[in-house]
Amino acid sequence: MIMDNNEKTLTKEEQIELGKKLLKLNGEATIIDLSKKDSNIDAVYICEPVRGGSSIIVGSNGTVLYANS
């Protein structure tokens, strides 16, 4: 993800908080910091740990990618 210097950058905690809020999760969640898998990706993957649960990827600039099965 290429960042413009004028864009606000979210901390990992803010990314996780945003993802959990959008998924309406109050309890357990699976969280993966994608930057640990690829240094070019500054995003967090969050999903419900249940079959058919929703998932979301939240970028450091606040963009999101949502999936539901």
C-alpha atoms as a PDB file:
ATOM      1  CA  MET A   1       0.000   0.000   0.000  1.00  0.00           C
ATOM      2  CA  ILE A   2       1.552   3.275  -1.090  1.00  0.00           C
ATOM      3  CA  MET A   3       0.827   6.097   1.320  1.00  0.00           C
ATOM      4  CA  ASP A   4       0.487   9.780   0.519  1.00  0.00           C
ATOM      5  CA  ASN A   5       2.296  11.845   3.155  1.00  0.00           C
ATOM      6  CA  ASN A   6      -0.918  13.821   3.782  1.00  0.00           C
ATOM      7  CA  GLU A   7      -2.967  10.715   4.631  1.00  0.00           C
ATOM      8  CA  LYS A   8      -3.657   9.865   8.252  1.00  0.00           C
ATOM      9  CA  THR A   9      -2.065   6.615   9.313  1.00  0.00           C
ATOM     10  CA  LEU A  10      -3.945   4.415  11.777  1.00  0.00           C
ATOM     11  CA  THR A  11      -2.053   2.523  14.455  1.00  0.00           C
ATOM     12  CA  LYS A  12      -2.482  -1.265  14.576  1.00  0.00           C
ATOM     13  CA  GLU A  13      -4.763  -0.813  17.603  1.00  0.00           C
ATOM     14  CA  GLU A  14      -6.930   1.674  15.680  1.00  0.00           C
ATOM     15  CA  GLN A  15      -7.084  -0.672  12.694  1.00  0.00           C
ATOM     16  CA  ILE A  16      -8.209  -3.537  14.956  1.00  0.00           C
ATOM     17  CA  GLU A  17     -10.755  -1.343  16.729  1.00  0.00           C
ATOM     18  CA  LEU A  18     -12.203  -0.166  13.390  1.00  0.00           C
ATOM     19  CA  GLY A  19     -12.399  -3.714  12.026  1.00  0.00           C
ATOM     20  CA  LYS A  20     -14.106  -5.078  15.143  1.00  0.00           C
ATOM     21  CA  LYS A  21     -16.553  -2.164  15.136  1.00  0.00           C
ATOM     22  CA  LEU A  22     -17.471  -2.684  11.469  1.00  0.00           C
ATOM     23  CA  LEU A  23     -17.902  -6.435  12.039  1.00  0.00           C
ATOM     24  CA  LYS A  24     -19.877  -5.696  15.225  1.00  0.00           C
ATOM     25  CA  LEU A  25     -17.650  -8.015  17.247  1.00  0.00           C
ATOM     26  CA  ASN A  26     -17.735  -7.766  21.006  1.00  0.00           C
ATOM     27  CA  GLY A  27     -16.002 -11.021  21.832  1.00  0.00           C
ATOM     28  CA  GLU A  28     -13.468 -13.294  20.260  1.00  0.00           C
ATOM     29  CA  ALA A  29     -11.818 -12.461  16.948  1.00  0.00           C
ATOM     30  CA  THR A  30      -8.924 -13.835  14.922  1.00  0.00           C
ATOM     31  CA  ILE A  31      -6.454 -11.035  14.163  1.00  0.00           C
ATOM     32  CA  ILE A  32      -3.493 -11.284  11.789  1.00  0.00           C
ATOM     33  CA  ASP A  33      -1.026  -8.449  11.209  1.00  0.00           C
ATOM     34  CA  LEU A  34      -0.382  -8.778   7.464  1.00  0.00           C
ATOM     35  CA  SER A  35       2.771  -6.635   7.645  1.00  0.00           C
ATOM     36  CA  LYS A  36       4.455  -9.570   9.433  1.00  0.00           C
ATOM     37  CA  LYS A  37       3.790 -11.765   6.379  1.00  0.00           C
ATOM     38  CA  ASP A  38       4.747  -9.155   3.752  1.00  0.00           C
ATOM     39  CA  SER A  39       6.521  -5.901   4.615  1.00  0.00           C
ATOM     40  CA  ASN A  40       4.832  -4.156   1.657  1.00  0.00           C
ATOM     41  CA  ILE A  41       1.369  -4.634   3.183  1.00  0.00           C
ATOM     42  CA  ASP A  42       0.388  -2.360   6.070  1.00  0.00           C
ATOM     43  CA  ALA A  43      -2.965  -3.896   7.013  1.00  0.00           C
ATOM     44  CA  VAL A  44      -4.707  -6.063   9.593  1.00  0.00           C
ATOM     45  CA  TYR A  45      -6.951  -9.060   8.853  1.00  0.00           C
ATOM     46  CA  ILE A  46      -9.803  -9.638  11.325  1.00  0.00           C
ATOM     47  CA  CYS A  47     -12.394 -12.403  11.223  1.00  0.00           C
ATOM     48  CA  GLU A  48     -15.044 -14.113  13.293  1.00  0.00           C
ATOM     49  CA  PRO A  49     -13.713 -17.507  14.372  1.00  0.00           C
ATOM     50  CA  VAL A  50     -16.914 -19.355  13.389  1.00  0.00           C
ATOM     51  CA  ARG A  51     -17.985 -21.167  10.247  1.00  0.00           C
ATOM     52  CA  GLY A  52     -19.559 -18.700   7.834  1.00  0.00           C
ATOM     53  CA  GLY A  53     -18.235 -15.721   9.779  1.00  0.00           C
ATOM     54  CA  SER A  54     -17.412 -12.355   8.282  1.00  0.00           C
ATOM     55  CA  SER A  55     -13.912 -11.034   7.745  1.00  0.00           C
ATOM     56  CA  ILE A  56     -12.365  -7.682   7.017  1.00  0.00           C
ATOM     57  CA  ILE A  57      -8.982  -6.281   6.055  1.00  0.00           C
ATOM     58  CA  VAL A  58      -8.257  -2.777   7.376  1.00  0.00           C
ATOM     59  CA  GLY A  59      -5.446  -0.760   5.820  1.00  0.00           C
ATOM     60  CA  SER A  60      -3.376   1.771   7.727  1.00  0.00           C
ATOM     61  CA  ASN A  61      -5.150   4.592   5.870  1.00  0.00           C
ATOM     62  CA  GLY A  62      -8.583   3.321   6.956  1.00  0.00           C
ATOM     63  CA  THR A  63      -9.583   1.572   3.740  1.00  0.00           C
ATOM     64  CA  VAL A  64     -11.431  -1.701   4.246  1.00  0.00           C
ATOM     65  CA  LEU A  65     -12.131  -4.880   2.293  1.00  0.00           C
ATOM     66  CA  TYR A  66     -15.094  -6.883   3.653  1.00  0.00           C
ATOM     67  CA  ALA A  67     -16.065 -10.506   2.915  1.00  0.00           C
ATOM     68  CA  ASN A  68     -18.919 -12.661   4.134  1.00  0.00           C
ATOM     69  CA  SER A  69     -19.658 -16.282   3.393  1.00  0.00           C
END
